[in-house]
Amino acid sequence: GLVAVLRDIRGNAPIERVRAVRCPPLEPEAWTAAEVSKLLAACDSIPAAGRWRWLLVISLAYYTGLDYSDIKRIERRHFAPGGGLVYRRHKTGGIPTGGVPAEVLALIDQHCPRKGPLLSMGFSDEWFRMVFAGIVKRAGLFGTFKKLRKSSGSGVEASSPGKGHKHLGNTRAIFERHYEARKLTRAEPTMPPAVKMPRAS
């Protein structure tokens, strides 16, 4: 870009070498367990009839580390009786090692079909982003739905070093570049730290 500007200014005159500027790698940002609890609490503003969907989609993203496209594909059969996830990611074919606590599994069994995808939000992806942005704002936070995946992997890595990438079903290099927020405090082992789950209705 700088070379193009210089050529426009200098015309046919010689142009000195423009040195590249190397920026330090950006550290991914993640929410803490307390902040995810705020996010769930902010769902109280959603009408009771549809509130459970938002509690569930946020909880699934946080505990399993799946992105929205995979959350829309998972079914009840992908969860073991104890809440462990048995699923192959659509995008990469990776197998994440996450799972959900009993209360999230109970929410699934209460509201979701036994066969087929668990969640049908009933509106476009753009509307999903708008509603979620409103939840984030009411919680006094900043970030998109993708931040939940980073929070999930970072929480596991903080508590069990070396396991964050396995939790998300990524390679170690991809995880360190895109998902590991090293500033998170230490958490409970094997999965992201537990969050307080509001009542769905």
C-alpha atoms as a PDB file:
ATOM      1  CA  GLY A   1       0.000   0.000   0.000  1.00  0.00           C
ATOM      2  CA  LEU A   2       2.812   2.425   0.875  1.00  0.00           C
ATOM      3  CA  VAL A   3       4.622   1.600  -2.369  1.00  0.00           C
ATOM      4  CA  ALA A   4       1.485   2.397  -4.376  1.00  0.00           C
ATOM      5  CA  VAL A   5       1.154   5.777  -2.618  1.00  0.00           C
ATOM      6  CA  LEU A   6       4.830   6.605  -3.253  1.00  0.00           C
ATOM      7  CA  ARG A   7       4.519   5.723  -6.928  1.00  0.00           C
ATOM      8  CA  ASP A   8       1.507   7.997  -7.233  1.00  0.00           C
ATOM      9  CA  ILE A   9       3.428  10.856  -5.579  1.00  0.00           C
ATOM     10  CA  ARG A  10       6.828  10.321  -7.219  1.00  0.00           C
ATOM     11  CA  GLY A  11       5.692   9.400 -10.705  1.00  0.00           C
ATOM     12  CA  ASN A  12       8.766   8.098 -12.574  1.00  0.00           C
ATOM     13  CA  ALA A  13      11.232   9.125  -9.848  1.00  0.00           C
ATOM     14  CA  PRO A  14      13.091   6.376  -7.946  1.00  0.00           C
ATOM     15  CA  ILE A  15      11.348   4.936  -4.919  1.00  0.00           C
ATOM     16  CA  GLU A  16      13.280   3.879  -1.842  1.00  0.00           C
ATOM     17  CA  ARG A  17      12.780   0.451  -0.356  1.00  0.00           C
ATOM     18  CA  VAL A  18       9.830   0.257   2.023  1.00  0.00           C
ATOM     19  CA  ARG A  19      10.647  -1.967   4.964  1.00  0.00           C
ATOM     20  CA  ALA A  20       7.982  -4.298   6.296  1.00  0.00           C
ATOM     21  CA  VAL A  21       6.749  -3.681   9.809  1.00  0.00           C
ATOM     22  CA  ARG A  22       6.376  -6.850  11.844  1.00  0.00           C
ATOM     23  CA  CYS A  23       3.638  -6.603  14.441  1.00  0.00           C
ATOM     24  CA  PRO A  24       3.571  -8.911  17.441  1.00  0.00           C
ATOM     25  CA  PRO A  25       0.983 -11.691  17.149  1.00  0.00           C
ATOM     26  CA  LEU A  26      -2.383 -10.742  18.579  1.00  0.00           C
ATOM     27  CA  GLU A  27      -3.495 -12.710  21.604  1.00  0.00           C
ATOM     28  CA  PRO A  28      -7.061 -13.997  21.233  1.00  0.00           C
ATOM     29  CA  GLU A  29      -9.517 -12.566  23.744  1.00  0.00           C
ATOM     30  CA  ALA A  30     -11.769 -14.813  25.814  1.00  0.00           C
ATOM     31  CA  TRP A  31     -14.475 -14.414  28.418  1.00  0.00           C
ATOM     32  CA  THR A  32     -13.957 -15.708  31.936  1.00  0.00           C
ATOM     33  CA  ALA A  33     -16.463 -18.038  33.604  1.00  0.00           C
ATOM     34  CA  ALA A  34     -17.872 -15.046  35.528  1.00  0.00           C
ATOM     35  CA  GLU A  35     -18.416 -13.161  32.279  1.00  0.00           C
ATOM     36  CA  VAL A  36     -20.142 -16.134  30.658  1.00  0.00           C
ATOM     37  CA  SER A  37     -22.428 -16.234  33.709  1.00  0.00           C
ATOM     38  CA  LYS A  38     -23.291 -12.588  33.021  1.00  0.00           C
ATOM     39  CA  LEU A  39     -24.016 -13.506  29.415  1.00  0.00           C
ATOM     40  CA  LEU A  40     -26.442 -16.227  30.503  1.00  0.00           C
ATOM     41  CA  ALA A  41     -28.077 -13.921  33.032  1.00  0.00           C
ATOM     42  CA  ALA A  42     -28.627 -11.315  30.299  1.00  0.00           C
ATOM     43  CA  CYS A  43     -30.922 -13.820  28.545  1.00  0.00           C
ATOM     44  CA  ASP A  44     -33.586 -12.897  31.119  1.00  0.00           C
ATOM     45  CA  SER A  45     -34.665 -10.082  28.799  1.00  0.00           C
ATOM     46  CA  ILE A  46     -35.701 -12.626  26.135  1.00  0.00           C
ATOM     47  CA  PRO A  47     -39.348 -13.806  26.272  1.00  0.00           C
ATOM     48  CA  ALA A  48     -39.672 -16.995  28.331  1.00  0.00           C
ATOM     49  CA  ALA A  49     -40.950 -19.062  25.385  1.00  0.00           C
ATOM     50  CA  GLY A  50     -37.663 -18.737  23.523  1.00  0.00           C
ATOM     51  CA  ARG A  51     -35.226 -18.085  26.371  1.00  0.00           C
ATOM     52  CA  TRP A  52     -34.193 -21.718  26.706  1.00  0.00           C
ATOM     53  CA  ARG A  53     -32.810 -21.699  23.144  1.00  0.00           C
ATOM     54  CA  TRP A  54     -30.384 -18.904  23.966  1.00  0.00           C
ATOM     55  CA  LEU A  55     -29.371 -20.439  27.287  1.00  0.00           C
ATOM     56  CA  LEU A  56     -28.721 -23.693  25.468  1.00  0.00           C
ATOM     57  CA  VAL A  57     -26.843 -22.339  22.473  1.00  0.00           C
ATOM     58  CA  ILE A  58     -24.552 -20.243  24.704  1.00  0.00           C
ATOM     59  CA  SER A  59     -23.967 -23.149  27.096  1.00  0.00           C
ATOM     60  CA  LEU A  60     -23.225 -25.573  24.250  1.00  0.00           C
ATOM     61  CA  ALA A  61     -20.716 -23.179  22.711  1.00  0.00           C
ATOM     62  CA  TYR A  62     -19.007 -22.578  26.049  1.00  0.00           C
ATOM     63  CA  TYR A  63     -18.791 -26.150  27.289  1.00  0.00           C
ATOM     64  CA  THR A  64     -18.169 -28.003  24.017  1.00  0.00           C
ATOM     65  CA  GLY A  65     -16.157 -25.369  22.162  1.00  0.00           C
ATOM     66  CA  LEU A  66     -18.191 -25.923  18.990  1.00  0.00           C
ATOM     67  CA  ASP A  67     -18.923 -23.052  16.639  1.00  0.00           C
ATOM     68  CA  TYR A  68     -22.461 -22.109  15.638  1.00  0.00           C
ATOM     69  CA  SER A  69     -22.428 -24.122  12.396  1.00  0.00           C
ATOM     70  CA  ASP A  70     -21.659 -27.327  14.320  1.00  0.00           C
ATOM     71  CA  ILE A  71     -24.076 -26.523  17.150  1.00  0.00           C
ATOM     72  CA  LYS A  72     -26.851 -26.420  14.559  1.00  0.00           C
ATOM     73  CA  ARG A  73     -25.878 -29.957  13.487  1.00  0.00           C
ATOM     74  CA  ILE A  74     -25.450 -31.803  16.768  1.00  0.00           C
ATOM     75  CA  GLU A  75     -28.139 -34.219  17.925  1.00  0.00           C
ATOM     76  CA  ARG A  76     -29.035 -35.880  21.214  1.00  0.00           C
ATOM     77  CA  ARG A  77     -27.284 -39.061  20.058  1.00  0.00           C
ATOM     78  CA  HIS A  78     -23.968 -37.196  20.051  1.00  0.00           C
ATOM     79  CA  PHE A  79     -24.015 -36.991  23.855  1.00  0.00           C
ATOM     80  CA  ALA A  80     -23.054 -39.886  26.098  1.00  0.00           C
ATOM     81  CA  PRO A  81     -25.168 -40.480  29.250  1.00  0.00           C
ATOM     82  CA  GLY A  82     -22.676 -38.513  31.356  1.00  0.00           C
ATOM     83  CA  GLY A  83     -22.723 -35.514  28.990  1.00  0.00           C
ATOM     84  CA  GLY A  84     -19.570 -36.315  27.014  1.00  0.00           C
ATOM     85  CA  LEU A  85     -19.632 -35.212  23.384  1.00  0.00           C
ATOM     86  CA  VAL A  86     -19.013 -37.748  20.603  1.00  0.00           C
ATOM     87  CA  TYR A  87     -18.964 -35.676  17.425  1.00  0.00           C
ATOM     88  CA  ARG A  88     -16.767 -35.000  14.382  1.00  0.00           C
ATOM     89  CA  ARG A  89     -16.527 -31.348  13.372  1.00  0.00           C
ATOM     90  CA  HIS A  90     -18.063 -30.559   9.989  1.00  0.00           C
ATOM     91  CA  LYS A  91     -15.356 -28.104   8.890  1.00  0.00           C
ATOM     92  CA  THR A  92     -12.152 -29.934   9.824  1.00  0.00           C
ATOM     93  CA  GLY A  93     -13.189 -33.459  10.728  1.00  0.00           C
ATOM     94  CA  GLY A  94     -11.538 -32.957  14.120  1.00  0.00           C
ATOM     95  CA  ILE A  95     -13.014 -34.691  17.148  1.00  0.00           C
ATOM     96  CA  PRO A  96     -13.406 -32.333  20.124  1.00  0.00           C
ATOM     97  CA  THR A  97     -13.209 -33.750  23.632  1.00  0.00           C
ATOM     98  CA  GLY A  98     -15.729 -31.462  25.351  1.00  0.00           C
ATOM     99  CA  GLY A  99     -18.951 -32.289  27.115  1.00  0.00           C
ATOM    100  CA  VAL A 100     -21.755 -30.643  29.057  1.00  0.00           C
ATOM    101  CA  PRO A 101     -22.780 -30.754  32.727  1.00  0.00           C
ATOM    102  CA  ALA A 102     -25.964 -32.457  33.892  1.00  0.00           C
ATOM    103  CA  GLU A 103     -28.041 -29.270  33.959  1.00  0.00           C
ATOM    104  CA  VAL A 104     -27.360 -28.570  30.279  1.00  0.00           C
ATOM    105  CA  LEU A 105     -28.162 -32.165  29.391  1.00  0.00           C
ATOM    106  CA  ALA A 106     -31.423 -31.804  31.344  1.00  0.00           C
ATOM    107  CA  LEU A 107     -32.270 -28.656  29.361  1.00  0.00           C
ATOM    108  CA  ILE A 108     -31.692 -30.616  26.142  1.00  0.00           C
ATOM    109  CA  ASP A 109     -33.920 -33.479  27.273  1.00  0.00           C
ATOM    110  CA  GLN A 110     -36.649 -31.071  28.372  1.00  0.00           C
ATOM    111  CA  HIS A 111     -36.883 -29.014  25.187  1.00  0.00           C
ATOM    112  CA  CYS A 112     -35.135 -30.717  22.269  1.00  0.00           C
ATOM    113  CA  PRO A 113     -36.193 -33.559  19.953  1.00  0.00           C
ATOM    114  CA  ARG A 114     -34.742 -37.010  20.527  1.00  0.00           C
ATOM    115  CA  LYS A 115     -33.894 -37.314  16.829  1.00  0.00           C
ATOM    116  CA  GLY A 116     -32.518 -34.730  14.448  1.00  0.00           C
ATOM    117  CA  PRO A 117     -30.722 -31.444  15.242  1.00  0.00           C
ATOM    118  CA  LEU A 118     -31.214 -30.156  18.781  1.00  0.00           C
ATOM    119  CA  LEU A 119     -31.710 -26.528  17.876  1.00  0.00           C
ATOM    120  CA  SER A 120     -33.772 -24.691  15.324  1.00  0.00           C
ATOM    121  CA  MET A 121     -33.477 -21.005  16.148  1.00  0.00           C
ATOM    122  CA  GLY A 122     -36.185 -20.143  13.626  1.00  0.00           C
ATOM    123  CA  PHE A 123     -34.461 -17.159  12.018  1.00  0.00           C
ATOM    124  CA  SER A 124     -31.527 -16.190   9.793  1.00  0.00           C
ATOM    125  CA  ASP A 125     -27.886 -16.161  10.830  1.00  0.00           C
ATOM    126  CA  GLU A 126     -27.892 -12.361  10.529  1.00  0.00           C
ATOM    127  CA  TRP A 127     -30.794 -12.091  12.969  1.00  0.00           C
ATOM    128  CA  PHE A 128     -28.973 -14.507  15.281  1.00  0.00           C
ATOM    129  CA  ARG A 129     -25.942 -12.200  15.294  1.00  0.00           C
ATOM    130  CA  MET A 130     -28.129  -9.168  16.038  1.00  0.00           C
ATOM    131  CA  VAL A 131     -29.929 -10.812  18.958  1.00  0.00           C
ATOM    132  CA  PHE A 132     -26.687 -12.185  20.383  1.00  0.00           C
ATOM    133  CA  ALA A 133     -25.061  -8.752  20.099  1.00  0.00           C
ATOM    134  CA  GLY A 134     -27.938  -7.374  22.200  1.00  0.00           C
ATOM    135  CA  ILE A 135     -27.354 -10.059  24.850  1.00  0.00           C
ATOM    136  CA  VAL A 136     -23.648  -9.232  24.947  1.00  0.00           C
ATOM    137  CA  LYS A 137     -24.394  -5.529  25.307  1.00  0.00           C
ATOM    138  CA  ARG A 138     -26.872  -6.102  28.170  1.00  0.00           C
ATOM    139  CA  ALA A 139     -24.238  -8.217  29.904  1.00  0.00           C
ATOM    140  CA  GLY A 140     -21.817  -5.297  29.703  1.00  0.00           C
ATOM    141  CA  LEU A 141     -19.394  -7.315  27.582  1.00  0.00           C
ATOM    142  CA  PHE A 142     -17.784  -7.067  24.161  1.00  0.00           C
ATOM    143  CA  GLY A 143     -17.356  -9.688  21.437  1.00  0.00           C
ATOM    144  CA  THR A 144     -19.128 -11.966  18.984  1.00  0.00           C
ATOM    145  CA  PHE A 145     -20.385 -15.534  19.314  1.00  0.00           C
ATOM    146  CA  LYS A 146     -16.954 -16.776  18.189  1.00  0.00           C
ATOM    147  CA  LYS A 147     -15.532 -15.562  21.486  1.00  0.00           C
ATOM    148  CA  LEU A 148     -17.298 -18.425  23.268  1.00  0.00           C
ATOM    149  CA  ARG A 149     -15.171 -20.951  21.369  1.00  0.00           C
ATOM    150  CA  LYS A 150     -12.018 -19.099  22.394  1.00  0.00           C
ATOM    151  CA  SER A 151     -13.279 -18.954  25.970  1.00  0.00           C
ATOM    152  CA  SER A 152     -13.932 -22.692  25.977  1.00  0.00           C
ATOM    153  CA  GLY A 153     -10.512 -23.683  24.658  1.00  0.00           C
ATOM    154  CA  SER A 154      -8.675 -21.134  26.782  1.00  0.00           C
ATOM    155  CA  GLY A 155     -10.464 -22.273  29.928  1.00  0.00           C
ATOM    156  CA  VAL A 156      -9.377 -25.861  29.360  1.00  0.00           C
ATOM    157  CA  GLU A 157      -5.820 -24.815  28.512  1.00  0.00           C
ATOM    158  CA  ALA A 158      -5.577 -22.691  31.662  1.00  0.00           C
ATOM    159  CA  SER A 159      -6.550 -25.631  33.841  1.00  0.00           C
ATOM    160  CA  SER A 160      -4.959 -28.477  31.863  1.00  0.00           C
ATOM    161  CA  PRO A 161      -1.987 -27.202  29.822  1.00  0.00           C
ATOM    162  CA  GLY A 162      -1.636 -28.956  26.501  1.00  0.00           C
ATOM    163  CA  LYS A 163      -5.284 -30.032  26.287  1.00  0.00           C
ATOM    164  CA  GLY A 164      -6.944 -26.909  24.903  1.00  0.00           C
ATOM    165  CA  HIS A 165      -6.438 -27.850  21.256  1.00  0.00           C
ATOM    166  CA  LYS A 166      -7.765 -31.377  21.843  1.00  0.00           C
ATOM    167  CA  HIS A 167     -10.835 -29.932  23.533  1.00  0.00           C
ATOM    168  CA  LEU A 168     -11.582 -27.902  20.388  1.00  0.00           C
ATOM    169  CA  GLY A 169     -10.495 -30.565  17.896  1.00  0.00           C
ATOM    170  CA  ASN A 170      -7.716 -28.380  16.436  1.00  0.00           C
ATOM    171  CA  THR A 171      -3.998 -28.727  15.819  1.00  0.00           C
ATOM    172  CA  ARG A 172      -1.756 -27.190  18.458  1.00  0.00           C
ATOM    173  CA  ALA A 173      -0.479 -24.505  16.059  1.00  0.00           C
ATOM    174  CA  ILE A 174      -3.971 -23.365  15.070  1.00  0.00           C
ATOM    175  CA  PHE A 175      -5.062 -23.319  18.690  1.00  0.00           C
ATOM    176  CA  GLU A 176      -2.139 -21.170  19.855  1.00  0.00           C
ATOM    177  CA  ARG A 177      -2.614 -18.717  16.986  1.00  0.00           C
ATOM    178  CA  HIS A 178      -6.382 -18.295  17.082  1.00  0.00           C
ATOM    179  CA  TYR A 179      -7.903 -19.599  20.308  1.00  0.00           C
ATOM    180  CA  GLU A 180      -5.589 -19.528  23.315  1.00  0.00           C
ATOM    181  CA  ALA A 181      -6.043 -16.451  25.540  1.00  0.00           C
ATOM    182  CA  ARG A 182      -3.130 -16.862  27.932  1.00  0.00           C
ATOM    183  CA  LYS A 183      -4.350 -14.149  30.311  1.00  0.00           C
ATOM    184  CA  LEU A 184      -7.182 -16.291  31.655  1.00  0.00           C
ATOM    185  CA  THR A 185      -6.804 -17.306  35.263  1.00  0.00           C
ATOM    186  CA  ARG A 186      -6.482 -20.963  36.189  1.00  0.00           C
ATOM    187  CA  ALA A 187      -9.730 -22.905  36.054  1.00  0.00           C
ATOM    188  CA  GLU A 188     -11.176 -26.271  36.952  1.00  0.00           C
ATOM    189  CA  PRO A 189      -9.684 -29.232  35.062  1.00  0.00           C
ATOM    190  CA  THR A 190     -10.991 -31.135  32.028  1.00  0.00           C
ATOM    191  CA  MET A 191     -13.588 -28.587  30.889  1.00  0.00           C
ATOM    192  CA  PRO A 192     -14.240 -24.842  31.097  1.00  0.00           C
ATOM    193  CA  PRO A 193     -15.062 -23.708  34.634  1.00  0.00           C
ATOM    194  CA  ALA A 194     -18.722 -24.167  35.529  1.00  0.00           C
ATOM    195  CA  VAL A 195     -21.052 -21.212  35.053  1.00  0.00           C
ATOM    196  CA  LYS A 196     -24.245 -20.364  36.875  1.00  0.00           C
ATOM    197  CA  MET A 197     -27.223 -21.472  34.797  1.00  0.00           C
ATOM    198  CA  PRO A 198     -30.347 -19.273  35.039  1.00  0.00           C
ATOM    199  CA  ARG A 199     -33.798 -20.807  34.869  1.00  0.00           C
ATOM    200  CA  ALA A 200     -35.048 -21.218  31.327  1.00  0.00           C
ATOM    201  CA  SER A 201     -38.581 -20.133  32.220  1.00  0.00           C
END
